[in-house]
Amino acid sequence: MKTKALLRNCLTLIIFFIPIAHGGQVNINTQVLATLVAEEDLWGGCMAKIRYDPQVALPACGRDWVTFSCSGDHVSKDIAYRMLDTAQLAQVTNRSVFLMITDTKMHNGYCFARRIDLLN
């Protein structure tokens, strides 16, 4: 009986901490390790390097980085730069973020972050 309860508790913990992926999208809590701003035709113009590798849940994604599409291709430039600002704030304050990442929109092989929330 104790074995079943232990197994059930372990499975519950595993399910709770595994990022949720469905239909080309993953929702994760992670940390921002770096940000970059580049020409619009490179990676959508801006990106964030995150602790969680999106390629684990979405194999089509490039490793370690997500784009916010500052070029304006997938979201308005204003919103993209606000998302980049949030990523930079998370990086300098060492706070976690919640990200919704999709592989249905990409720049140069890197997946698009549809949403970013500052946590903690």
Protein backbone atom coordinates (compact mmCIF):
# COMPACT_ATOMS: atom_id res chain seq x y z
CA MET A 1 0.00 0.00 0.00
CA LYS A 2 2.85 2.38 0.86
CA THR A 3 4.49 1.60 -2.47
CA LYS A 4 1.37 2.66 -4.41
CA ALA A 5 1.09 5.89 -2.44
CA LEU A 6 4.76 6.65 -2.97
CA LEU A 7 4.48 5.93 -6.69
CA ARG A 8 1.38 8.13 -6.98
CA ASN A 9 3.14 10.99 -5.15
CA CYS A 10 6.23 10.66 -7.35
CA LEU A 11 4.14 10.71 -10.53
CA THR A 12 2.24 13.76 -9.29
CA LEU A 13 5.51 15.61 -8.67
CA ILE A 14 6.91 14.62 -12.06
CA ILE A 15 3.77 15.78 -13.86
CA PHE A 16 3.74 19.04 -11.90
CA PHE A 17 7.32 19.96 -12.81
CA ILE A 18 7.37 18.85 -16.46
CA PRO A 19 6.73 21.73 -18.87
CA ILE A 20 3.35 21.50 -20.57
CA ALA A 21 3.63 21.04 -24.34
CA HIS A 22 0.75 20.73 -26.77
CA GLY A 23 0.10 21.56 -30.42
CA GLY A 24 3.49 23.09 -31.06
CA GLN A 25 3.49 25.11 -27.84
CA VAL A 26 5.24 24.76 -24.48
CA ASN A 27 4.53 26.71 -21.30
CA ILE A 28 7.49 26.95 -18.93
CA ASN A 29 8.89 28.74 -15.91
CA THR A 30 12.57 29.51 -16.44
CA GLN A 31 15.30 32.10 -16.02
CA VAL A 32 16.71 34.52 -18.60
CA LEU A 33 20.47 34.11 -18.98
CA ALA A 34 21.14 36.66 -21.75
CA THR A 35 19.40 38.92 -24.27
CA LEU A 36 20.43 40.22 -27.67
CA VAL A 37 19.31 42.87 -30.13
CA ALA A 38 20.31 42.49 -33.78
CA GLU A 39 19.27 43.48 -37.29
CA GLU A 40 15.63 42.65 -38.00
CA ASP A 41 16.51 39.89 -40.48
CA LEU A 42 18.61 38.10 -37.83
CA TRP A 43 16.51 36.07 -35.38
CA GLY A 44 13.65 38.57 -35.60
CA GLY A 45 15.79 41.37 -34.22
CA CYS A 46 15.83 40.35 -30.55
CA MET A 47 16.09 37.18 -28.48
CA ALA A 48 16.50 35.82 -24.98
CA LYS A 49 18.68 32.92 -23.91
CA ILE A 50 16.82 30.88 -21.30
CA ARG A 51 17.86 28.22 -18.80
CA TYR A 52 15.30 25.71 -20.14
CA ASP A 53 16.11 24.48 -23.65
CA PRO A 54 12.87 24.78 -25.71
CA GLN A 55 14.18 22.06 -28.03
CA VAL A 56 13.49 19.50 -25.29
CA ALA A 57 9.71 19.92 -25.70
CA LEU A 58 9.66 21.34 -29.24
CA PRO A 59 12.31 19.59 -31.38
CA ALA A 60 11.87 22.07 -34.25
CA CYS A 61 13.14 24.93 -32.07
CA GLY A 62 16.73 26.08 -31.95
CA ARG A 63 18.62 25.45 -28.71
CA ASP A 64 18.52 27.71 -25.65
CA TRP A 65 17.13 30.88 -27.29
CA VAL A 66 13.66 32.27 -28.09
CA THR A 67 12.76 35.22 -30.31
CA PHE A 68 10.34 38.02 -29.46
CA SER A 69 10.08 39.08 -33.13
CA CYS A 70 11.18 42.69 -32.70
CA SER A 71 11.05 42.85 -36.50
CA GLY A 72 7.27 42.97 -36.20
CA ASP A 73 6.66 39.79 -38.22
CA HIS A 74 4.78 37.85 -35.53
CA VAL A 75 3.64 40.62 -33.16
CA SER A 76 3.77 44.41 -33.21
CA LYS A 77 7.22 45.89 -32.66
CA ASP A 78 5.92 47.71 -29.59
CA ILE A 79 4.75 44.49 -27.92
CA ALA A 80 7.95 42.66 -28.94
CA TYR A 81 10.17 45.29 -27.36
CA ARG A 82 8.04 45.23 -24.20
CA MET A 83 8.58 41.47 -24.03
CA LEU A 84 12.33 42.04 -24.49
CA ASP A 85 12.22 44.66 -21.71
CA THR A 86 10.57 42.10 -19.43
CA ALA A 87 13.26 39.54 -20.26
CA GLN A 88 16.00 42.09 -19.53
CA LEU A 89 14.36 43.02 -16.22
CA ALA A 90 14.19 39.35 -15.27
CA GLN A 91 17.85 38.90 -16.17
CA VAL A 92 19.18 41.84 -14.14
CA THR A 93 16.95 41.13 -11.11
CA ASN A 94 17.52 37.35 -11.26
CA ARG A 95 13.77 36.70 -11.31
CA SER A 96 12.04 33.84 -13.09
CA VAL A 97 9.70 34.20 -16.06
CA PHE A 98 6.75 32.27 -17.42
CA LEU A 99 7.02 31.79 -21.20
CA MET A 100 4.59 30.51 -23.83
CA ILE A 101 6.75 29.31 -26.71
CA THR A 102 5.42 28.13 -30.08
CA ASP A 103 7.12 26.36 -32.96
CA THR A 104 4.44 27.52 -35.42
CA LYS A 105 6.19 30.91 -35.71
CA MET A 106 9.96 31.11 -36.01
CA HIS A 107 12.91 33.28 -37.01
CA ASN A 108 16.03 31.58 -38.41
CA GLY A 109 15.12 28.32 -36.68
CA TYR A 110 14.35 29.84 -33.27
CA CYS A 111 10.87 29.63 -31.82
CA PHE A 112 8.69 32.61 -30.96
CA ALA A 113 7.77 33.47 -27.37
CA ARG A 114 4.10 34.48 -27.51
CA ARG A 115 3.99 35.58 -23.89
CA ILE A 116 6.35 36.43 -21.04
CA ASP A 117 5.38 37.07 -17.41
CA LEU A 118 7.77 38.26 -14.72
CA LEU A 119 7.46 35.98 -11.67
CA ASN A 120 8.36 36.14 -7.95
